[in-house]
Amino acid sequence: VMNVNHFNGNPLKWLTFITAYLDTAGSVCGFTATEDMDRLRAALYGPALDLVRAQMGNVQNLDGILGTLQLSFGETHAILSAMEAKVASLAPLNDRLDNIASFAGQVDHLRSINNMIEGRPHRPELVKRLVAKLPLRYGEEWLLYKSSRAGESPSSLYQSMVTIPSDGNLNELADFLLYLHERSVNLGRNVA
């Protein structure tokens, strides 16, 4: 029986989990319903398992179990709430960009999740909170990066620099942070 990733109820991992589970389910790979239930039992732990444990005694409950998990951990609002919590837990960047690799990677992960749930890159509140974690000089650089991609003149955007602009989308911000990371790596090589 093909195992799938473990799932504990983290909404940020729901889409990866359910996609892998369904892509290898009985209807696709020829497993019986009992084997699919066994795979699900082996994959679930923590809050996800606690939520559906009572239903797992009967293989006829498989669709209901998946529906319950979807409602609790796979709904857009649950995923967005988890994204908000993730952003709140990220440490701000310092001027030396010591933590840029981790920060950029986590924002890129949030971008992937966001694009999977709705395909809408605009999450102004998330972008605002993420940009607030940038040192001022990189906030200014974000402004220039964003304006160059939009074809706007930097001077028209400087009017809003009292507060670092946070509009834009998660895709643009993730690209910008990956660019900063690449640049910091290249600068490190040139110094060595």
N, C-alpha and C. Protein backbone atom coordinates (compact mmCIF):
# COMPACT_ATOMS: atom_id res chain seq x y z
N VAL A 1 0.85 -1.18 0.00
CA VAL A 1 0.00 0.00 0.00
C VAL A 1 0.90 1.25 0.00
N MET A 2 0.62 2.16 -0.92
CA MET A 2 1.41 3.38 -1.05
C MET A 2 1.05 4.36 0.05
N ASN A 3 2.06 4.78 0.82
CA ASN A 3 1.84 5.75 1.89
C ASN A 3 1.80 7.17 1.33
N VAL A 4 1.15 8.05 2.05
CA VAL A 4 1.13 9.47 1.71
C VAL A 4 1.75 10.23 2.87
N ASN A 5 2.01 11.50 2.66
CA ASN A 5 2.57 12.34 3.71
C ASN A 5 1.64 12.35 4.91
N HIS A 6 2.23 12.55 6.05
CA HIS A 6 1.45 12.67 7.28
C HIS A 6 0.76 14.04 7.30
N PHE A 7 -0.37 14.08 7.98
CA PHE A 7 -1.13 15.33 8.07
C PHE A 7 -1.67 15.48 9.48
N ASN A 8 -1.36 16.63 10.11
CA ASN A 8 -1.78 16.86 11.49
C ASN A 8 -2.89 17.90 11.63
N GLY A 9 -3.34 18.46 10.51
CA GLY A 9 -4.39 19.47 10.58
C GLY A 9 -3.90 20.86 10.26
N ASN A 10 -2.65 21.00 9.88
CA ASN A 10 -2.12 22.31 9.51
C ASN A 10 -2.71 22.71 8.16
N PRO A 11 -3.54 23.76 8.12
CA PRO A 11 -4.16 24.16 6.85
C PRO A 11 -3.15 24.48 5.74
N LEU A 12 -1.94 24.92 6.13
CA LEU A 12 -0.93 25.22 5.12
C LEU A 12 -0.40 23.97 4.43
N LYS A 13 -0.67 22.82 5.02
CA LYS A 13 -0.22 21.56 4.41
C LYS A 13 -1.38 20.76 3.81
N TRP A 14 -2.60 21.26 3.95
CA TRP A 14 -3.78 20.55 3.48
C TRP A 14 -3.72 20.26 1.98
N LEU A 15 -3.47 21.26 1.18
CA LEU A 15 -3.53 21.08 -0.27
C LEU A 15 -2.51 20.06 -0.77
N THR A 16 -1.33 20.09 -0.21
CA THR A 16 -0.31 19.10 -0.58
C THR A 16 -0.74 17.71 -0.15
N PHE A 17 -1.25 17.61 1.07
CA PHE A 17 -1.69 16.31 1.58
C PHE A 17 -2.83 15.73 0.75
N ILE A 18 -3.89 16.49 0.56
CA ILE A 18 -5.08 15.94 -0.10
C ILE A 18 -4.80 15.64 -1.56
N THR A 19 -3.97 16.45 -2.20
CA THR A 19 -3.61 16.18 -3.59
C THR A 19 -2.86 14.86 -3.70
N ALA A 20 -1.87 14.67 -2.83
CA ALA A 20 -1.10 13.41 -2.84
C ALA A 20 -1.99 12.22 -2.51
N TYR A 21 -2.89 12.40 -1.55
CA TYR A 21 -3.78 11.30 -1.17
C TYR A 21 -4.70 10.92 -2.33
N LEU A 22 -5.35 11.90 -2.91
CA LEU A 22 -6.30 11.61 -3.98
C LEU A 22 -5.61 11.13 -5.26
N ASP A 23 -4.40 11.63 -5.52
CA ASP A 23 -3.65 11.18 -6.70
C ASP A 23 -3.21 9.73 -6.59
N THR A 24 -3.23 9.20 -5.38
CA THR A 24 -2.82 7.80 -5.18
C THR A 24 -3.95 6.97 -4.58
N ALA A 25 -5.18 7.45 -4.69
CA ALA A 25 -6.33 6.74 -4.11
C ALA A 25 -6.71 5.54 -4.96
N GLY A 26 -7.62 4.76 -4.43
CA GLY A 26 -8.07 3.54 -5.10
C GLY A 26 -8.54 3.74 -6.51
N SER A 27 -9.29 4.81 -6.74
CA SER A 27 -9.83 5.03 -8.08
C SER A 27 -8.72 5.28 -9.09
N VAL A 28 -7.57 5.74 -8.65
CA VAL A 28 -6.45 6.03 -9.54
C VAL A 28 -5.46 4.87 -9.58
N CYS A 29 -5.14 4.34 -8.40
CA CYS A 29 -4.09 3.32 -8.29
C CYS A 29 -4.61 1.91 -8.04
N GLY A 30 -5.91 1.75 -8.00
CA GLY A 30 -6.48 0.41 -7.84
C GLY A 30 -6.54 -0.11 -6.42
N PHE A 31 -6.41 0.77 -5.40
CA PHE A 31 -6.54 0.31 -4.02
C PHE A 31 -8.00 0.05 -3.70
N THR A 32 -8.22 -0.83 -2.77
CA THR A 32 -9.58 -1.05 -2.28
C THR A 32 -9.92 0.07 -1.30
N ALA A 33 -11.20 0.19 -0.97
CA ALA A 33 -11.62 1.20 0.01
C ALA A 33 -10.95 0.94 1.36
N THR A 34 -10.79 -0.33 1.70
CA THR A 34 -10.13 -0.68 2.97
C THR A 34 -8.67 -0.22 2.95
N GLU A 35 -7.99 -0.42 1.83
CA GLU A 35 -6.60 0.04 1.72
C GLU A 35 -6.51 1.57 1.78
N ASP A 36 -7.47 2.24 1.15
CA ASP A 36 -7.48 3.71 1.22
C ASP A 36 -7.70 4.18 2.66
N MET A 37 -8.59 3.51 3.38
CA MET A 37 -8.81 3.87 4.78
C MET A 37 -7.56 3.61 5.60
N ASP A 38 -6.87 2.50 5.34
CA ASP A 38 -5.63 2.20 6.05
C ASP A 38 -4.58 3.28 5.77
N ARG A 39 -4.50 3.72 4.53
CA ARG A 39 -3.55 4.78 4.18
C ARG A 39 -3.89 6.07 4.92
N LEU A 40 -5.18 6.38 5.01
CA LEU A 40 -5.60 7.58 5.71
C LEU A 40 -5.31 7.46 7.21
N ARG A 41 -5.59 6.31 7.79
CA ARG A 41 -5.28 6.10 9.22
C ARG A 41 -3.79 6.30 9.49
N ALA A 42 -2.96 5.78 8.61
CA ALA A 42 -1.51 5.90 8.79
C ALA A 42 -1.03 7.33 8.60
N ALA A 43 -1.74 8.12 7.80
CA ALA A 43 -1.30 9.49 7.49
C ALA A 43 -1.71 10.51 8.54
N LEU A 44 -2.86 10.32 9.17
CA LEU A 44 -3.39 11.34 10.08
C LEU A 44 -2.81 11.20 11.47
N TYR A 45 -2.58 12.35 12.10
CA TYR A 45 -2.18 12.38 13.50
C TYR A 45 -2.58 13.74 14.08
N GLY A 46 -2.45 13.89 15.37
CA GLY A 46 -2.75 15.16 16.03
C GLY A 46 -4.20 15.57 15.86
N PRO A 47 -4.44 16.87 15.72
CA PRO A 47 -5.81 17.38 15.62
C PRO A 47 -6.61 16.79 14.46
N ALA A 48 -5.95 16.49 13.34
CA ALA A 48 -6.68 15.90 12.21
C ALA A 48 -7.23 14.53 12.59
N LEU A 49 -6.41 13.72 13.21
CA LEU A 49 -6.85 12.38 13.63
C LEU A 49 -7.92 12.50 14.72
N ASP A 50 -7.70 13.38 15.68
CA ASP A 50 -8.68 13.55 16.76
C ASP A 50 -10.06 13.90 16.22
N LEU A 51 -10.09 14.72 15.18
CA LEU A 51 -11.35 15.17 14.60
C LEU A 51 -12.17 14.02 14.00
N VAL A 52 -11.51 13.06 13.38
CA VAL A 52 -12.23 12.02 12.63
C VAL A 52 -12.05 10.61 13.19
N ARG A 53 -11.35 10.46 14.27
CA ARG A 53 -11.05 9.13 14.83
C ARG A 53 -12.30 8.26 14.99
N ALA A 54 -13.37 8.83 15.50
CA ALA A 54 -14.59 8.06 15.75
C ALA A 54 -15.22 7.54 14.46
N GLN A 55 -14.98 8.21 13.34
CA GLN A 55 -15.56 7.79 12.06
C GLN A 55 -14.70 6.74 11.34
N MET A 56 -13.49 6.55 11.79
CA MET A 56 -12.55 5.72 11.04
C MET A 56 -12.75 4.22 11.21
N GLY A 57 -13.70 3.83 12.01
CA GLY A 57 -13.96 2.41 12.20
C GLY A 57 -14.70 1.75 11.05
N ASN A 58 -15.29 2.55 10.19
CA ASN A 58 -16.10 2.01 9.11
C ASN A 58 -15.62 2.57 7.78
N VAL A 59 -15.23 1.70 6.88
CA VAL A 59 -14.71 2.12 5.58
C VAL A 59 -15.74 2.90 4.77
N GLN A 60 -17.01 2.71 5.08
CA GLN A 60 -18.07 3.44 4.39
C GLN A 60 -18.01 4.94 4.71
N ASN A 61 -17.29 5.31 5.76
CA ASN A 61 -17.21 6.72 6.17
C ASN A 61 -16.09 7.49 5.47
N LEU A 62 -15.37 6.85 4.57
CA LEU A 62 -14.19 7.47 3.97
C LEU A 62 -14.51 8.83 3.33
N ASP A 63 -15.53 8.90 2.51
CA ASP A 63 -15.87 10.18 1.87
C ASP A 63 -16.28 11.22 2.91
N GLY A 64 -17.02 10.81 3.91
CA GLY A 64 -17.42 11.73 4.98
C GLY A 64 -16.22 12.24 5.77
N ILE A 65 -15.25 11.37 6.01
CA ILE A 65 -14.03 11.76 6.72
C ILE A 65 -13.28 12.81 5.91
N LEU A 66 -13.12 12.55 4.63
CA LEU A 66 -12.41 13.52 3.77
C LEU A 66 -13.17 14.84 3.73
N GLY A 67 -14.49 14.79 3.71
CA GLY A 67 -15.29 16.01 3.73
C GLY A 67 -15.13 16.79 5.03
N THR A 68 -15.10 16.07 6.14
CA THR A 68 -14.90 16.71 7.45
C THR A 68 -13.54 17.37 7.52
N LEU A 69 -12.51 16.67 7.05
CA LEU A 69 -11.17 17.25 7.03
C LEU A 69 -11.12 18.48 6.14
N GLN A 70 -11.77 18.41 4.98
CA GLN A 70 -11.81 19.54 4.06
C GLN A 70 -12.45 20.75 4.72
N LEU A 71 -13.59 20.54 5.39
CA LEU A 71 -14.28 21.66 6.04
C LEU A 71 -13.45 22.28 7.16
N SER A 72 -12.71 21.45 7.87
CA SER A 72 -11.96 21.96 9.02
C SER A 72 -10.61 22.56 8.64
N PHE A 73 -9.94 21.97 7.65
CA PHE A 73 -8.57 22.37 7.37
C PHE A 73 -8.33 22.84 5.94
N GLY A 74 -9.28 22.59 5.04
CA GLY A 74 -9.05 22.89 3.64
C GLY A 74 -9.87 24.02 3.07
N GLU A 75 -10.72 24.62 3.88
CA GLU A 75 -11.50 25.75 3.40
C GLU A 75 -10.58 26.97 3.25
N THR A 76 -10.89 27.81 2.31
CA THR A 76 -10.06 28.98 2.03
C THR A 76 -9.83 29.82 3.28
N HIS A 77 -10.87 30.05 4.07
CA HIS A 77 -10.70 30.89 5.26
C HIS A 77 -9.72 30.27 6.26
N ALA A 78 -9.73 28.95 6.39
CA ALA A 78 -8.79 28.29 7.31
C ALA A 78 -7.36 28.43 6.80
N ILE A 79 -7.19 28.28 5.50
CA ILE A 79 -5.85 28.40 4.92
C ILE A 79 -5.36 29.84 5.04
N LEU A 80 -6.22 30.81 4.74
CA LEU A 80 -5.82 32.22 4.85
C LEU A 80 -5.52 32.60 6.30
N SER A 81 -6.28 32.09 7.24
CA SER A 81 -6.00 32.35 8.66
C SER A 81 -4.63 31.80 9.05
N ALA A 82 -4.33 30.60 8.55
CA ALA A 82 -3.02 30.00 8.83
C ALA A 82 -1.90 30.81 8.17
N MET A 83 -2.17 31.34 6.98
CA MET A 83 -1.18 32.18 6.31
C MET A 83 -0.92 33.44 7.13
N GLU A 84 -1.99 34.05 7.64
CA GLU A 84 -1.86 35.25 8.47
C GLU A 84 -1.01 34.95 9.71
N ALA A 85 -1.28 33.82 10.34
CA ALA A 85 -0.51 33.44 11.53
C ALA A 85 0.96 33.20 11.18
N LYS A 86 1.20 32.60 10.04
CA LYS A 86 2.57 32.35 9.60
C LYS A 86 3.31 33.66 9.39
N VAL A 87 2.67 34.60 8.72
CA VAL A 87 3.29 35.90 8.48
C VAL A 87 3.60 36.59 9.81
N ALA A 88 2.67 36.53 10.75
CA ALA A 88 2.88 37.16 12.06
C ALA A 88 4.07 36.54 12.78
N SER A 89 4.34 35.27 12.55
CA SER A 89 5.43 34.60 13.26
C SER A 89 6.80 34.80 12.61
N LEU A 90 6.83 35.33 11.40
CA LEU A 90 8.12 35.53 10.73
C LEU A 90 8.91 36.64 11.41
N ALA A 91 10.19 36.39 11.61
CA ALA A 91 11.07 37.41 12.18
C ALA A 91 11.35 38.48 11.13
N PRO A 92 11.39 39.75 11.55
CA PRO A 92 11.71 40.82 10.59
C PRO A 92 13.13 40.64 10.05
N LEU A 93 13.34 41.14 8.85
CA LEU A 93 14.67 41.13 8.26
C LEU A 93 15.52 42.21 8.91
N ASN A 94 16.82 41.95 9.02
CA ASN A 94 17.72 42.99 9.49
C ASN A 94 18.42 43.62 8.28
N ASP A 95 19.14 44.70 8.50
CA ASP A 95 19.78 45.41 7.38
C ASP A 95 20.80 44.56 6.63
N ARG A 96 21.41 43.61 7.30
CA ARG A 96 22.40 42.76 6.64
C ARG A 96 21.76 41.59 5.90
N LEU A 97 20.48 41.44 6.03
CA LEU A 97 19.74 40.37 5.35
C LEU A 97 20.22 38.98 5.77
N ASP A 98 20.60 38.85 7.04
CA ASP A 98 21.07 37.55 7.53
C ASP A 98 20.04 36.45 7.37
N ASN A 99 18.77 36.81 7.49
CA ASN A 99 17.71 35.80 7.43
C ASN A 99 16.91 35.87 6.12
N ILE A 100 17.49 36.44 5.07
CA ILE A 100 16.75 36.60 3.81
C ILE A 100 16.39 35.26 3.19
N ALA A 101 17.29 34.28 3.26
CA ALA A 101 17.00 32.99 2.62
C ALA A 101 15.75 32.35 3.24
N SER A 102 15.69 32.33 4.54
CA SER A 102 14.54 31.74 5.23
C SER A 102 13.28 32.56 4.97
N PHE A 103 13.39 33.87 5.10
CA PHE A 103 12.24 34.76 4.90
C PHE A 103 11.71 34.62 3.48
N ALA A 104 12.60 34.71 2.48
CA ALA A 104 12.17 34.60 1.08
C ALA A 104 11.56 33.24 0.80
N GLY A 105 12.14 32.19 1.35
CA GLY A 105 11.60 30.84 1.15
C GLY A 105 10.21 30.68 1.73
N GLN A 106 10.00 31.26 2.91
CA GLN A 106 8.69 31.15 3.53
C GLN A 106 7.64 31.97 2.78
N VAL A 107 8.04 33.15 2.31
CA VAL A 107 7.10 33.95 1.52
C VAL A 107 6.80 33.24 0.19
N ASP A 108 7.81 32.62 -0.42
CA ASP A 108 7.59 31.87 -1.65
C ASP A 108 6.62 30.70 -1.41
N HIS A 109 6.74 30.06 -0.25
CA HIS A 109 5.82 28.98 0.12
C HIS A 109 4.39 29.52 0.26
N LEU A 110 4.25 30.67 0.91
CA LEU A 110 2.93 31.29 1.05
C LEU A 110 2.36 31.63 -0.33
N ARG A 111 3.22 32.10 -1.23
CA ARG A 111 2.78 32.42 -2.59
C ARG A 111 2.23 31.16 -3.27
N SER A 112 2.94 30.05 -3.13
CA SER A 112 2.50 28.79 -3.75
C SER A 112 1.14 28.38 -3.22
N ILE A 113 0.97 28.46 -1.92
CA ILE A 113 -0.31 28.09 -1.31
C ILE A 113 -1.41 29.03 -1.81
N ASN A 114 -1.12 30.32 -1.80
CA ASN A 114 -2.11 31.31 -2.25
C ASN A 114 -2.54 31.03 -3.68
N ASN A 115 -1.59 30.74 -4.55
CA ASN A 115 -1.92 30.48 -5.95
C ASN A 115 -2.71 29.18 -6.11
N MET A 116 -2.49 28.22 -5.23
CA MET A 116 -3.24 26.96 -5.32
C MET A 116 -4.68 27.14 -4.85
N ILE A 117 -4.91 27.99 -3.85
CA ILE A 117 -6.28 28.08 -3.34
C ILE A 117 -7.18 28.92 -4.21
N GLU A 118 -6.65 29.97 -4.79
CA GLU A 118 -7.52 30.82 -5.58
C GLU A 118 -6.89 31.29 -6.86
N GLY A 119 -5.58 31.18 -6.97
CA GLY A 119 -4.91 31.70 -8.14
C GLY A 119 -4.91 33.22 -8.17
N ARG A 120 -5.26 33.84 -7.05
CA ARG A 120 -5.28 35.30 -6.97
C ARG A 120 -4.06 35.77 -6.21
N PRO A 121 -3.15 36.49 -6.87
CA PRO A 121 -1.94 36.91 -6.17
C PRO A 121 -2.15 38.07 -5.21
N HIS A 122 -3.27 38.77 -5.30
CA HIS A 122 -3.46 39.96 -4.47
C HIS A 122 -3.95 39.58 -3.08
N ARG A 123 -3.12 39.85 -2.14
CA ARG A 123 -3.43 39.68 -0.72
C ARG A 123 -2.86 40.91 -0.03
N PRO A 124 -3.51 42.08 -0.22
CA PRO A 124 -2.92 43.32 0.28
C PRO A 124 -2.58 43.31 1.77
N GLU A 125 -3.41 42.68 2.58
CA GLU A 125 -3.11 42.67 4.02
C GLU A 125 -1.87 41.84 4.32
N LEU A 126 -1.74 40.69 3.66
CA LEU A 126 -0.53 39.88 3.85
C LEU A 126 0.70 40.62 3.36
N VAL A 127 0.59 41.21 2.19
CA VAL A 127 1.73 41.95 1.62
C VAL A 127 2.11 43.09 2.56
N LYS A 128 1.12 43.80 3.09
CA LYS A 128 1.38 44.91 4.01
C LYS A 128 2.15 44.43 5.23
N ARG A 129 1.74 43.32 5.80
CA ARG A 129 2.42 42.79 6.99
C ARG A 129 3.83 42.31 6.67
N LEU A 130 3.99 41.73 5.49
CA LEU A 130 5.32 41.27 5.10
C LEU A 130 6.26 42.43 4.81
N VAL A 131 5.78 43.42 4.11
CA VAL A 131 6.61 44.59 3.79
C VAL A 131 7.01 45.31 5.08
N ALA A 132 6.15 45.31 6.07
CA ALA A 132 6.47 45.95 7.35
C ALA A 132 7.64 45.27 8.05
N LYS A 133 7.96 44.06 7.66
CA LYS A 133 9.09 43.32 8.25
C LYS A 133 10.42 43.62 7.55
N LEU A 134 10.35 44.43 6.49
CA LEU A 134 11.57 44.80 5.77
C LEU A 134 12.22 46.02 6.42
N PRO A 135 13.55 46.07 6.44
CA PRO A 135 14.21 47.32 6.86
C PRO A 135 13.82 48.43 5.88
N LEU A 136 13.86 49.66 6.34
CA LEU A 136 13.40 50.79 5.53
C LEU A 136 14.06 50.83 4.16
N ARG A 137 15.36 50.62 4.09
CA ARG A 137 16.02 50.74 2.78
C ARG A 137 15.53 49.67 1.81
N TYR A 138 15.15 48.50 2.31
CA TYR A 138 14.63 47.47 1.41
C TYR A 138 13.16 47.71 1.10
N GLY A 139 12.47 48.41 1.99
CA GLY A 139 11.12 48.87 1.67
C GLY A 139 11.15 49.85 0.52
N GLU A 140 12.15 50.74 0.55
CA GLU A 140 12.31 51.68 -0.55
C GLU A 140 12.67 50.95 -1.84
N GLU A 141 13.52 49.93 -1.70
CA GLU A 141 13.88 49.15 -2.88
C GLU A 141 12.68 48.39 -3.44
N TRP A 142 11.81 47.92 -2.54
CA TRP A 142 10.56 47.27 -2.95
C TRP A 142 9.73 48.25 -3.77
N LEU A 143 9.67 49.49 -3.32
CA LEU A 143 8.95 50.53 -4.04
C LEU A 143 9.49 50.68 -5.47
N LEU A 144 10.80 50.77 -5.60
CA LEU A 144 11.41 50.93 -6.92
C LEU A 144 11.20 49.68 -7.78
N TYR A 145 11.36 48.53 -7.18
CA TYR A 145 11.16 47.26 -7.89
C TYR A 145 9.73 47.18 -8.43
N LYS A 146 8.79 47.49 -7.55
CA LYS A 146 7.38 47.43 -7.92
C LYS A 146 7.05 48.44 -9.02
N SER A 147 7.59 49.66 -8.88
CA SER A 147 7.30 50.68 -9.88
C SER A 147 7.92 50.34 -11.23
N SER A 148 9.10 49.74 -11.22
CA SER A 148 9.73 49.38 -12.50
C SER A 148 8.94 48.28 -13.21
N ARG A 149 8.36 47.38 -12.44
CA ARG A 149 7.55 46.31 -13.04
C ARG A 149 6.21 46.82 -13.54
N ALA A 150 5.72 47.88 -12.91
CA ALA A 150 4.42 48.43 -13.32
C ALA A 150 4.57 49.50 -14.40
N GLY A 151 5.82 49.87 -14.70
CA GLY A 151 6.06 50.88 -15.71
C GLY A 151 5.77 52.29 -15.22
N GLU A 152 5.70 52.47 -13.90
CA GLU A 152 5.43 53.78 -13.34
C GLU A 152 6.75 54.50 -13.06
N SER A 153 6.70 55.81 -13.00
CA SER A 153 7.90 56.55 -12.66
C SER A 153 8.09 56.52 -11.15
N PRO A 154 9.32 56.31 -10.70
CA PRO A 154 9.56 56.28 -9.26
C PRO A 154 9.14 57.56 -8.57
N SER A 155 9.25 58.70 -9.24
CA SER A 155 8.90 59.97 -8.59
C SER A 155 7.43 60.02 -8.21
N SER A 156 6.57 59.42 -9.02
CA SER A 156 5.14 59.43 -8.68
C SER A 156 4.86 58.56 -7.46
N LEU A 157 5.70 57.56 -7.24
CA LEU A 157 5.49 56.69 -6.09
C LEU A 157 6.18 57.19 -4.83
N TYR A 158 7.18 58.05 -4.97
CA TYR A 158 7.87 58.56 -3.79
C TYR A 158 6.96 59.35 -2.88
N GLN A 159 5.85 59.87 -3.42
CA GLN A 159 4.91 60.62 -2.60
C GLN A 159 4.36 59.76 -1.47
N SER A 160 4.29 58.47 -1.68
CA SER A 160 3.71 57.59 -0.66
C SER A 160 4.76 56.95 0.23
N MET A 161 6.00 57.45 0.19
CA MET A 161 7.06 56.80 0.94
C MET A 161 7.06 57.09 2.43
N VAL A 162 6.18 57.95 2.90
CA VAL A 162 6.09 58.15 4.33
C VAL A 162 5.76 56.81 4.98
N THR A 163 4.90 56.06 4.35
CA THR A 163 4.67 54.67 4.73
C THR A 163 5.04 53.84 3.52
N ILE A 164 5.82 52.83 3.73
CA ILE A 164 6.28 51.99 2.63
C ILE A 164 5.07 51.39 1.95
N PRO A 165 4.98 51.51 0.62
CA PRO A 165 3.80 50.98 -0.06
C PRO A 165 3.69 49.47 0.13
N SER A 166 2.50 49.06 0.39
CA SER A 166 2.29 47.65 0.62
C SER A 166 1.38 47.03 -0.42
N ASP A 167 0.90 47.85 -1.34
CA ASP A 167 0.07 47.25 -2.36
C ASP A 167 0.97 46.45 -3.28
N GLY A 168 0.42 45.84 -4.24
CA GLY A 168 1.18 44.87 -5.01
C GLY A 168 0.63 43.52 -4.67
N ASN A 169 1.26 42.52 -5.19
CA ASN A 169 0.72 41.21 -4.89
C ASN A 169 1.79 40.30 -4.33
N LEU A 170 1.35 39.20 -3.82
CA LEU A 170 2.24 38.25 -3.17
C LEU A 170 3.26 37.70 -4.16
N ASN A 171 2.87 37.52 -5.41
CA ASN A 171 3.82 37.03 -6.42
C ASN A 171 4.96 38.02 -6.61
N GLU A 172 4.62 39.32 -6.74
CA GLU A 172 5.66 40.34 -6.91
C GLU A 172 6.58 40.40 -5.70
N LEU A 173 6.00 40.35 -4.51
CA LEU A 173 6.81 40.44 -3.30
C LEU A 173 7.72 39.22 -3.17
N ALA A 174 7.20 38.04 -3.46
CA ALA A 174 8.03 36.83 -3.39
C ALA A 174 9.17 36.92 -4.40
N ASP A 175 8.88 37.39 -5.61
CA ASP A 175 9.94 37.55 -6.61
C ASP A 175 11.00 38.54 -6.13
N PHE A 176 10.56 39.65 -5.54
CA PHE A 176 11.48 40.66 -5.03
C PHE A 176 12.38 40.08 -3.93
N LEU A 177 11.79 39.33 -3.01
CA LEU A 177 12.58 38.75 -1.92
C LEU A 177 13.57 37.71 -2.43
N LEU A 178 13.15 36.92 -3.41
CA LEU A 178 14.08 35.96 -4.01
C LEU A 178 15.21 36.69 -4.74
N TYR A 179 14.88 37.81 -5.36
CA TYR A 179 15.90 38.65 -6.00
C TYR A 179 16.89 39.17 -4.94
N LEU A 180 16.39 39.68 -3.80
CA LEU A 180 17.27 40.14 -2.72
C LEU A 180 18.17 39.02 -2.23
N HIS A 181 17.60 37.84 -2.09
CA HIS A 181 18.39 36.69 -1.63
C HIS A 181 19.50 36.37 -2.63
N GLU A 182 19.14 36.30 -3.90
CA GLU A 182 20.14 36.00 -4.93
C GLU A 182 21.24 37.07 -4.93
N ARG A 183 20.83 38.31 -4.81
CA ARG A 183 21.81 39.40 -4.79
C ARG A 183 22.73 39.30 -3.58
N SER A 184 22.18 38.97 -2.42
CA SER A 184 23.02 38.86 -1.22
C SER A 184 23.98 37.69 -1.34
N VAL A 185 23.56 36.60 -1.98
CA VAL A 185 24.46 35.46 -2.20
C VAL A 185 25.58 35.87 -3.15
N ASN A 186 25.23 36.57 -4.23
CA ASN A 186 26.23 37.00 -5.19
C ASN A 186 27.20 37.99 -4.58
N LEU A 187 26.72 38.91 -3.72
CA LEU A 187 27.59 39.85 -3.04
C LEU A 187 28.55 39.12 -2.11
N GLY A 188 28.05 38.10 -1.44
CA GLY A 188 28.89 37.29 -0.56
C GLY A 188 30.01 36.60 -1.31
N ARG A 189 29.72 36.14 -2.51
CA ARG A 189 30.75 35.48 -3.33
C ARG A 189 31.80 36.48 -3.77
N ASN A 190 31.36 37.70 -4.10
CA ASN A 190 32.29 38.73 -4.55
C ASN A 190 33.20 39.21 -3.43
N VAL A 191 32.71 39.17 -2.20
CA VAL A 191 33.51 39.60 -1.06
C VAL A 191 34.55 38.57 -0.71
N ALA A 192 34.21 37.30 -0.86
CA ALA A 192 35.11 36.21 -0.47
C ALA A 192 36.33 36.12 -1.36
